[in-house]
């Protein structure tokens, strides 16, 4: 991948991180999509030979620092999501967008379950039931994220 291609990937990941820390009203925080995970999944599907577990780990560490969570919590989850996405990319890419959204929902729920496990292991109080709305909202946004990032990838000729 040329320098411009890698900068487009990291710029999109940076925008996703900014969207993760964007201030929202109290009622909307419960429904904040997992932008960083969605963008990581897209790039793992589009460029599985370039973007994978290492990218997920670094992105997860950055997300841990930005959100103030336990260092490594998101890194572990995003690494797992990147690994599974790269392993299954040939299957997921041929699905229509609504089936891709379901596969993305499964990946997001797994990442959320891993975060829940880390919270329980560190003695944090379990979150409310609305904690599970986040993966659902994120999966519903998948078609929009996919089409947007695909257009960005084509426009900047990222290969």
N, C-alpha and C. Protein backbone atom coordinates (compact mmCIF):
# COMPACT_ATOMS: atom_id res chain seq x y z
N UNK A 1 0.86 -1.17 0.00
CA UNK A 1 0.00 0.00 0.00
C UNK A 1 0.91 1.23 0.00
N UNK A 2 0.58 2.18 -0.84
CA UNK A 2 1.38 3.40 -0.90
C UNK A 2 1.11 4.29 0.30
N UNK A 3 1.90 5.35 0.42
CA UNK A 3 1.78 6.24 1.57
C UNK A 3 0.43 6.92 1.65
N UNK A 4 -0.12 7.26 0.49
CA UNK A 4 -1.43 7.92 0.49
C UNK A 4 -2.51 6.95 0.96
N UNK A 5 -2.41 5.69 0.56
CA UNK A 5 -3.40 4.69 0.96
C UNK A 5 -3.42 4.47 2.45
N UNK A 6 -2.23 4.32 3.05
CA UNK A 6 -2.17 4.09 4.49
C UNK A 6 -2.63 5.32 5.25
N UNK A 7 -2.37 6.50 4.70
CA UNK A 7 -2.83 7.72 5.39
C UNK A 7 -4.35 7.83 5.33
N UNK A 8 -4.97 7.39 4.24
CA UNK A 8 -6.44 7.40 4.15
C UNK A 8 -7.03 6.45 5.18
N UNK A 9 -6.42 5.27 5.33
CA UNK A 9 -6.91 4.30 6.31
C UNK A 9 -6.81 4.89 7.72
N UNK A 10 -5.65 5.44 8.06
CA UNK A 10 -5.46 5.98 9.41
C UNK A 10 -6.27 7.24 9.65
N UNK A 11 -6.52 8.02 8.60
CA UNK A 11 -7.39 9.19 8.75
C UNK A 11 -8.82 8.75 9.06
N UNK A 12 -9.29 7.72 8.37
CA UNK A 12 -10.65 7.25 8.65
C UNK A 12 -10.73 6.66 10.06
N UNK A 13 -9.70 5.96 10.49
CA UNK A 13 -9.69 5.44 11.86
C UNK A 13 -9.63 6.59 12.87
N UNK A 14 -8.89 7.65 12.53
CA UNK A 14 -8.83 8.82 13.40
C UNK A 14 -10.18 9.52 13.52
N UNK A 15 -10.89 9.63 12.40
CA UNK A 15 -12.23 10.22 12.43
C UNK A 15 -13.16 9.36 13.29
N UNK A 16 -13.02 8.04 13.18
CA UNK A 16 -13.85 7.14 13.99
C UNK A 16 -13.55 7.33 15.48
N UNK A 17 -12.28 7.51 15.82
CA UNK A 17 -11.92 7.76 17.22
C UNK A 17 -12.51 9.08 17.71
N UNK A 18 -12.47 10.09 16.86
CA UNK A 18 -13.07 11.38 17.23
C UNK A 18 -14.57 11.25 17.44
N UNK A 19 -15.23 10.47 16.61
CA UNK A 19 -16.67 10.25 16.78
C UNK A 19 -16.96 9.49 18.07
N UNK A 20 -16.01 8.69 18.53
CA UNK A 20 -16.21 7.94 19.77
C UNK A 20 -16.15 8.84 21.01
N UNK A 21 -15.44 9.97 20.91
CA UNK A 21 -15.31 10.85 22.08
C UNK A 21 -16.10 12.15 21.92
N UNK A 22 -16.84 12.26 20.83
CA UNK A 22 -17.67 13.43 20.59
C UNK A 22 -18.70 13.56 21.71
N UNK A 23 -18.80 14.74 22.33
CA UNK A 23 -19.80 14.89 23.40
C UNK A 23 -21.22 14.71 22.87
N UNK A 24 -22.01 13.96 23.62
CA UNK A 24 -23.41 13.73 23.28
C UNK A 24 -24.27 14.02 24.49
N UNK A 25 -25.55 14.32 24.28
CA UNK A 25 -26.45 14.46 25.43
C UNK A 25 -26.52 13.13 26.20
N UNK A 26 -26.89 13.22 27.45
CA UNK A 26 -26.94 12.03 28.31
C UNK A 26 -27.80 10.92 27.71
N UNK A 27 -28.96 11.26 27.17
CA UNK A 27 -29.86 10.24 26.63
C UNK A 27 -29.28 9.55 25.41
N UNK A 28 -28.42 10.23 24.65
CA UNK A 28 -27.88 9.67 23.41
C UNK A 28 -26.61 8.85 23.63
N UNK A 29 -25.97 8.98 24.77
CA UNK A 29 -24.73 8.23 25.02
C UNK A 29 -24.95 6.74 24.97
N UNK A 30 -26.12 6.32 25.37
CA UNK A 30 -26.45 4.90 25.37
C UNK A 30 -26.46 4.33 23.96
N UNK A 31 -26.74 5.17 22.99
CA UNK A 31 -26.89 4.71 21.61
C UNK A 31 -25.71 5.11 20.72
N UNK A 32 -24.58 5.50 21.31
CA UNK A 32 -23.41 5.89 20.51
C UNK A 32 -22.89 4.66 19.77
N UNK A 33 -22.84 4.73 18.44
CA UNK A 33 -22.33 3.59 17.68
C UNK A 33 -20.85 3.34 17.97
N UNK A 34 -20.44 2.13 17.74
CA UNK A 34 -19.04 1.77 17.91
C UNK A 34 -18.30 2.10 16.61
N UNK A 35 -18.07 3.37 16.39
CA UNK A 35 -17.49 3.82 15.13
C UNK A 35 -16.14 3.19 14.85
N UNK A 36 -15.29 3.13 15.86
CA UNK A 36 -13.94 2.59 15.66
C UNK A 36 -14.00 1.13 15.24
N UNK A 37 -14.88 0.36 15.84
CA UNK A 37 -14.99 -1.06 15.50
C UNK A 37 -15.55 -1.22 14.09
N UNK A 38 -16.55 -0.41 13.73
CA UNK A 38 -17.13 -0.48 12.39
C UNK A 38 -16.10 -0.16 11.31
N UNK A 39 -15.32 0.88 11.53
CA UNK A 39 -14.30 1.26 10.54
C UNK A 39 -13.21 0.20 10.47
N UNK A 40 -12.82 -0.34 11.62
CA UNK A 40 -11.83 -1.42 11.62
C UNK A 40 -12.35 -2.64 10.86
N UNK A 41 -13.58 -3.01 11.07
CA UNK A 41 -14.16 -4.15 10.35
C UNK A 41 -14.15 -3.89 8.85
N UNK A 42 -14.51 -2.67 8.45
CA UNK A 42 -14.51 -2.37 7.02
C UNK A 42 -13.12 -2.56 6.42
N UNK A 43 -12.11 -1.98 7.05
CA UNK A 43 -10.77 -2.06 6.48
C UNK A 43 -10.21 -3.48 6.53
N UNK A 44 -10.59 -4.25 7.53
CA UNK A 44 -10.18 -5.66 7.57
C UNK A 44 -10.85 -6.46 6.45
N UNK A 45 -12.06 -6.09 6.09
CA UNK A 45 -12.73 -6.75 4.97
C UNK A 45 -12.14 -6.30 3.64
N UNK A 46 -11.86 -5.02 3.51
CA UNK A 46 -11.38 -4.48 2.24
C UNK A 46 -9.91 -4.80 1.99
N UNK A 47 -9.10 -4.75 3.04
CA UNK A 47 -7.65 -4.96 2.89
C UNK A 47 -7.14 -5.96 3.93
N UNK A 48 -7.58 -7.21 3.86
CA UNK A 48 -7.19 -8.16 4.91
C UNK A 48 -5.71 -8.48 4.93
N UNK A 49 -5.02 -8.25 3.83
CA UNK A 49 -3.59 -8.50 3.77
C UNK A 49 -2.77 -7.35 4.36
N UNK A 50 -3.40 -6.22 4.62
CA UNK A 50 -2.71 -5.04 5.16
C UNK A 50 -3.18 -4.64 6.56
N UNK A 51 -4.48 -4.74 6.79
CA UNK A 51 -5.06 -4.29 8.06
C UNK A 51 -5.55 -5.53 8.80
N UNK A 52 -5.02 -5.76 10.00
CA UNK A 52 -5.43 -6.95 10.73
C UNK A 52 -5.26 -6.75 12.23
N UNK A 53 -4.78 -7.76 12.91
CA UNK A 53 -4.74 -7.78 14.37
C UNK A 53 -3.89 -6.64 14.95
N UNK A 54 -2.76 -6.37 14.35
CA UNK A 54 -1.89 -5.29 14.85
C UNK A 54 -2.59 -3.95 14.80
N UNK A 55 -3.29 -3.70 13.73
CA UNK A 55 -4.04 -2.45 13.61
C UNK A 55 -5.14 -2.40 14.66
N UNK A 56 -5.83 -3.53 14.86
CA UNK A 56 -6.87 -3.58 15.87
C UNK A 56 -6.32 -3.33 17.26
N UNK A 57 -5.14 -3.88 17.54
CA UNK A 57 -4.52 -3.69 18.86
C UNK A 57 -4.16 -2.22 19.09
N UNK A 58 -3.51 -1.60 18.10
CA UNK A 58 -3.12 -0.19 18.24
C UNK A 58 -4.36 0.70 18.35
N UNK A 59 -5.36 0.44 17.53
CA UNK A 59 -6.60 1.21 17.59
C UNK A 59 -7.28 1.03 18.94
N UNK A 60 -7.27 -0.19 19.46
CA UNK A 60 -7.86 -0.45 20.76
C UNK A 60 -7.13 0.28 21.88
N UNK A 61 -5.80 0.31 21.83
CA UNK A 61 -5.04 1.06 22.84
C UNK A 61 -5.36 2.54 22.77
N UNK A 62 -5.44 3.08 21.55
CA UNK A 62 -5.81 4.50 21.41
C UNK A 62 -7.21 4.75 21.96
N UNK A 63 -8.12 3.84 21.72
CA UNK A 63 -9.48 3.97 22.23
C UNK A 63 -9.51 3.88 23.75
N UNK A 64 -8.69 3.00 24.32
CA UNK A 64 -8.59 2.90 25.78
C UNK A 64 -8.10 4.21 26.39
N UNK A 65 -7.10 4.80 25.77
CA UNK A 65 -6.55 6.06 26.29
C UNK A 65 -7.57 7.18 26.15
N UNK A 66 -8.24 7.25 25.02
CA UNK A 66 -9.21 8.33 24.79
C UNK A 66 -10.44 8.23 25.67
N UNK A 67 -10.89 7.00 25.95
CA UNK A 67 -12.12 6.84 26.72
C UNK A 67 -11.86 6.62 28.21
N UNK A 68 -10.61 6.44 28.59
CA UNK A 68 -10.29 6.27 30.00
C UNK A 68 -10.65 4.92 30.57
N UNK A 69 -10.76 3.92 29.72
CA UNK A 69 -11.06 2.58 30.21
C UNK A 69 -9.76 1.88 30.60
N UNK A 70 -9.89 0.70 31.16
CA UNK A 70 -8.73 -0.10 31.55
C UNK A 70 -7.84 -0.31 30.33
N UNK A 71 -6.56 -0.01 30.47
CA UNK A 71 -5.65 -0.11 29.34
C UNK A 71 -5.56 -1.56 28.86
N UNK A 72 -5.95 -1.78 27.65
CA UNK A 72 -5.94 -3.10 27.05
C UNK A 72 -7.33 -3.69 26.86
N UNK A 73 -8.34 -3.09 27.48
CA UNK A 73 -9.70 -3.62 27.38
C UNK A 73 -10.19 -3.59 25.93
N UNK A 74 -10.14 -2.43 25.31
CA UNK A 74 -10.56 -2.34 23.91
C UNK A 74 -9.53 -2.97 22.99
N UNK A 75 -8.27 -2.93 23.37
CA UNK A 75 -7.22 -3.53 22.54
C UNK A 75 -7.47 -5.02 22.37
N UNK A 76 -7.86 -5.68 23.44
CA UNK A 76 -8.17 -7.11 23.38
C UNK A 76 -9.38 -7.36 22.48
N UNK A 77 -10.43 -6.59 22.69
CA UNK A 77 -11.65 -6.77 21.90
C UNK A 77 -11.46 -6.48 20.42
N UNK A 78 -10.77 -5.39 20.11
CA UNK A 78 -10.56 -5.03 18.71
C UNK A 78 -9.59 -5.98 18.02
N UNK A 79 -8.64 -6.51 18.76
CA UNK A 79 -7.73 -7.52 18.19
C UNK A 79 -8.51 -8.76 17.80
N UNK A 80 -9.41 -9.19 18.68
CA UNK A 80 -10.23 -10.36 18.39
C UNK A 80 -11.15 -10.10 17.19
N UNK A 81 -11.76 -8.95 17.15
CA UNK A 81 -12.64 -8.60 16.03
C UNK A 81 -11.84 -8.57 14.73
N UNK A 82 -10.66 -7.97 14.75
CA UNK A 82 -9.83 -7.91 13.54
C UNK A 82 -9.43 -9.32 13.09
N UNK A 83 -9.04 -10.17 14.04
CA UNK A 83 -8.64 -11.53 13.70
C UNK A 83 -9.79 -12.29 13.04
N UNK A 84 -10.96 -12.25 13.67
CA UNK A 84 -12.10 -12.97 13.11
C UNK A 84 -12.54 -12.40 11.76
N UNK A 85 -12.48 -11.09 11.62
CA UNK A 85 -12.87 -10.47 10.35
C UNK A 85 -11.92 -10.87 9.24
N UNK A 86 -10.63 -10.87 9.52
CA UNK A 86 -9.66 -11.26 8.49
C UNK A 86 -9.83 -12.74 8.14
N UNK A 87 -10.07 -13.57 9.15
CA UNK A 87 -10.25 -15.00 8.89
C UNK A 87 -11.51 -15.28 8.05
N UNK A 88 -12.55 -14.48 8.25
CA UNK A 88 -13.83 -14.72 7.57
C UNK A 88 -14.10 -13.74 6.43
N UNK A 89 -13.11 -12.94 6.05
CA UNK A 89 -13.37 -11.87 5.09
C UNK A 89 -13.89 -12.39 3.75
N UNK A 90 -13.41 -13.52 3.28
CA UNK A 90 -13.85 -14.03 1.98
C UNK A 90 -15.33 -14.40 2.01
N UNK A 91 -15.80 -14.87 3.15
CA UNK A 91 -17.21 -15.24 3.27
C UNK A 91 -18.09 -14.01 3.45
N UNK A 92 -17.66 -13.10 4.32
CA UNK A 92 -18.49 -11.93 4.63
C UNK A 92 -18.63 -11.01 3.42
N UNK A 93 -17.57 -10.87 2.64
CA UNK A 93 -17.61 -9.93 1.52
C UNK A 93 -18.63 -10.29 0.45
N UNK A 94 -18.96 -11.56 0.32
CA UNK A 94 -19.92 -11.95 -0.72
C UNK A 94 -21.37 -11.82 -0.28
N UNK A 95 -21.59 -11.57 1.01
CA UNK A 95 -22.96 -11.40 1.51
C UNK A 95 -23.54 -10.08 1.03
N UNK A 96 -24.87 -10.03 0.84
CA UNK A 96 -25.51 -8.73 0.63
C UNK A 96 -25.37 -7.89 1.91
N UNK A 97 -25.59 -6.59 1.79
CA UNK A 97 -25.34 -5.69 2.92
C UNK A 97 -26.14 -6.05 4.17
N UNK A 98 -27.36 -6.50 4.03
CA UNK A 98 -28.15 -6.82 5.22
C UNK A 98 -27.58 -8.05 5.93
N UNK A 99 -27.03 -9.01 5.19
CA UNK A 99 -26.40 -10.16 5.82
C UNK A 99 -25.04 -9.78 6.41
N UNK A 100 -24.35 -8.87 5.74
CA UNK A 100 -23.10 -8.35 6.31
C UNK A 100 -23.39 -7.67 7.64
N UNK A 101 -24.49 -6.92 7.69
CA UNK A 101 -24.85 -6.24 8.94
C UNK A 101 -25.10 -7.24 10.06
N UNK A 102 -25.67 -8.38 9.74
CA UNK A 102 -25.87 -9.41 10.76
C UNK A 102 -24.53 -9.99 11.22
N UNK A 103 -23.62 -10.23 10.29
CA UNK A 103 -22.28 -10.73 10.65
C UNK A 103 -21.55 -9.69 11.51
N UNK A 104 -21.69 -8.43 11.15
CA UNK A 104 -21.09 -7.35 11.93
C UNK A 104 -21.71 -7.30 13.32
N UNK A 105 -23.02 -7.51 13.41
CA UNK A 105 -23.69 -7.54 14.72
C UNK A 105 -23.08 -8.63 15.60
N UNK A 106 -22.83 -9.79 15.04
CA UNK A 106 -22.22 -10.89 15.81
C UNK A 106 -20.84 -10.47 16.31
N UNK A 107 -20.03 -9.85 15.45
CA UNK A 107 -18.70 -9.40 15.85
C UNK A 107 -18.79 -8.33 16.94
N UNK A 108 -19.73 -7.40 16.80
CA UNK A 108 -19.89 -6.34 17.79
C UNK A 108 -20.36 -6.89 19.13
N UNK A 109 -21.25 -7.85 19.11
CA UNK A 109 -21.72 -8.46 20.36
C UNK A 109 -20.58 -9.21 21.04
N UNK A 110 -19.75 -9.89 20.25
CA UNK A 110 -18.60 -10.59 20.84
C UNK A 110 -17.64 -9.60 21.49
N UNK A 111 -17.41 -8.47 20.83
CA UNK A 111 -16.53 -7.45 21.41
C UNK A 111 -17.14 -6.89 22.69
N UNK A 112 -18.44 -6.69 22.68
CA UNK A 112 -19.13 -6.18 23.87
C UNK A 112 -19.10 -7.20 25.01
N UNK A 113 -19.25 -8.47 24.68
CA UNK A 113 -19.19 -9.51 25.71
C UNK A 113 -17.80 -9.59 26.33
N UNK A 114 -16.78 -9.41 25.50
CA UNK A 114 -15.41 -9.41 26.02
C UNK A 114 -15.19 -8.21 26.94
N UNK A 115 -15.70 -7.05 26.57
CA UNK A 115 -15.61 -5.88 27.44
C UNK A 115 -16.37 -6.10 28.75
N UNK A 116 -17.51 -6.74 28.66
CA UNK A 116 -18.30 -7.05 29.85
C UNK A 116 -17.53 -8.00 30.76
N UNK A 117 -16.86 -8.96 30.17
CA UNK A 117 -16.06 -9.90 30.95
C UNK A 117 -14.92 -9.17 31.67
N UNK A 118 -14.25 -8.25 30.97
CA UNK A 118 -13.16 -7.49 31.59
C UNK A 118 -13.70 -6.62 32.72
N UNK A 119 -14.86 -6.00 32.51
CA UNK A 119 -15.47 -5.18 33.57
C UNK A 119 -15.79 -6.04 34.79
N UNK A 120 -16.32 -7.23 34.58
CA UNK A 120 -16.63 -8.12 35.70
C UNK A 120 -15.36 -8.59 36.40
N UNK A 121 -14.32 -8.86 35.63
CA UNK A 121 -13.07 -9.33 36.21
C UNK A 121 -12.38 -8.25 37.05
N UNK A 122 -12.63 -6.99 36.72
CA UNK A 122 -12.02 -5.89 37.47
C UNK A 122 -12.93 -5.36 38.56
N UNK A 123 -14.08 -5.99 38.75
CA UNK A 123 -14.96 -5.61 39.85
C UNK A 123 -15.86 -4.44 39.58
N UNK A 124 -16.02 -4.05 38.34
CA UNK A 124 -16.92 -2.95 38.01
C UNK A 124 -18.37 -3.44 38.04
N UNK A 125 -19.25 -2.52 38.30
CA UNK A 125 -20.68 -2.86 38.34
C UNK A 125 -21.15 -3.20 36.93
N UNK A 126 -22.02 -4.19 36.80
CA UNK A 126 -22.52 -4.54 35.47
C UNK A 126 -23.37 -3.40 34.90
N UNK A 127 -23.25 -3.14 33.61
CA UNK A 127 -24.04 -2.06 33.01
C UNK A 127 -25.51 -2.46 32.89
N UNK A 128 -26.32 -1.46 32.61
CA UNK A 128 -27.76 -1.68 32.45
C UNK A 128 -28.02 -2.43 31.15
N UNK A 129 -29.24 -2.86 30.98
CA UNK A 129 -29.64 -3.62 29.81
C UNK A 129 -29.44 -2.83 28.51
N UNK A 130 -29.53 -1.52 28.60
CA UNK A 130 -29.37 -0.71 27.39
C UNK A 130 -27.94 -0.75 26.84
N UNK A 131 -27.03 -1.34 27.58
CA UNK A 131 -25.65 -1.58 27.12
C UNK A 131 -25.66 -2.36 25.81
N UNK A 132 -26.66 -3.22 25.64
CA UNK A 132 -26.73 -4.07 24.44
C UNK A 132 -27.36 -3.36 23.26
N UNK A 133 -27.82 -2.12 23.44
CA UNK A 133 -28.37 -1.35 22.32
C UNK A 133 -27.25 -0.86 21.40
N UNK A 134 -26.07 -0.68 21.95
CA UNK A 134 -24.96 -0.14 21.17
C UNK A 134 -24.59 -1.04 19.99
N UNK A 135 -24.40 -2.35 20.18
CA UNK A 135 -24.10 -3.18 19.00
C UNK A 135 -25.23 -3.18 17.97
N UNK A 136 -26.47 -3.13 18.45
CA UNK A 136 -27.60 -3.13 17.53
C UNK A 136 -27.63 -1.85 16.69
N UNK A 137 -27.45 -0.72 17.32
CA UNK A 137 -27.41 0.56 16.60
C UNK A 137 -26.23 0.56 15.61
N UNK A 138 -25.10 0.06 16.04
CA UNK A 138 -23.92 0.02 15.17
C UNK A 138 -24.16 -0.87 13.96
N UNK A 139 -24.76 -2.03 14.16
CA UNK A 139 -25.04 -2.93 13.04
C UNK A 139 -26.04 -2.32 12.07
N UNK A 140 -27.00 -1.57 12.59
CA UNK A 140 -27.96 -0.90 11.70
C UNK A 140 -27.28 0.16 10.85
N UNK A 141 -26.19 0.73 11.33
CA UNK A 141 -25.45 1.74 10.57
C UNK A 141 -24.44 1.13 9.60
N UNK A 142 -24.23 -0.18 9.68
CA UNK A 142 -23.21 -0.83 8.85
C UNK A 142 -23.36 -0.54 7.36
N UNK A 143 -24.54 -0.67 6.75
CA UNK A 143 -24.63 -0.39 5.31
C UNK A 143 -24.16 1.02 4.94
N UNK A 144 -24.51 2.00 5.76
CA UNK A 144 -24.07 3.37 5.50
C UNK A 144 -22.55 3.50 5.63
N UNK A 145 -21.99 2.91 6.67
CA UNK A 145 -20.53 2.95 6.87
C UNK A 145 -19.83 2.24 5.72
N UNK A 146 -20.33 1.08 5.33
CA UNK A 146 -19.72 0.32 4.25
C UNK A 146 -19.69 1.11 2.95
N UNK A 147 -20.83 1.67 2.57
CA UNK A 147 -20.92 2.41 1.30
C UNK A 147 -20.03 3.66 1.35
N UNK A 148 -20.03 4.36 2.47
CA UNK A 148 -19.21 5.57 2.60
C UNK A 148 -17.73 5.25 2.49
N UNK A 149 -17.28 4.25 3.23
CA UNK A 149 -15.85 3.91 3.20
C UNK A 149 -15.44 3.28 1.87
N UNK A 150 -16.35 2.55 1.23
CA UNK A 150 -16.05 2.01 -0.09
C UNK A 150 -15.85 3.13 -1.10
N UNK A 151 -16.68 4.18 -1.01
CA UNK A 151 -16.51 5.33 -1.90
C UNK A 151 -15.21 6.06 -1.62
N UNK A 152 -14.84 6.19 -0.36
CA UNK A 152 -13.56 6.81 0.00
C UNK A 152 -12.41 5.98 -0.56
N UNK A 153 -12.49 4.66 -0.39
CA UNK A 153 -11.42 3.79 -0.87
C UNK A 153 -11.28 3.88 -2.38
N UNK A 154 -12.39 3.94 -3.09
CA UNK A 154 -12.33 4.04 -4.55
C UNK A 154 -11.82 5.40 -5.00
N UNK A 155 -12.27 6.44 -4.33
CA UNK A 155 -11.85 7.80 -4.73
C UNK A 155 -10.36 8.00 -4.57
N UNK A 156 -9.80 7.49 -3.46
CA UNK A 156 -8.38 7.67 -3.20
C UNK A 156 -7.54 6.48 -3.68
N UNK A 157 -8.17 5.53 -4.36
CA UNK A 157 -7.49 4.37 -4.93
C UNK A 157 -6.64 3.63 -3.90
N UNK A 158 -7.26 3.31 -2.77
CA UNK A 158 -6.57 2.58 -1.70
C UNK A 158 -6.63 1.10 -2.03
N UNK A 159 -5.46 0.49 -2.18
CA UNK A 159 -5.39 -0.95 -2.48
C UNK A 159 -4.41 -1.64 -1.59
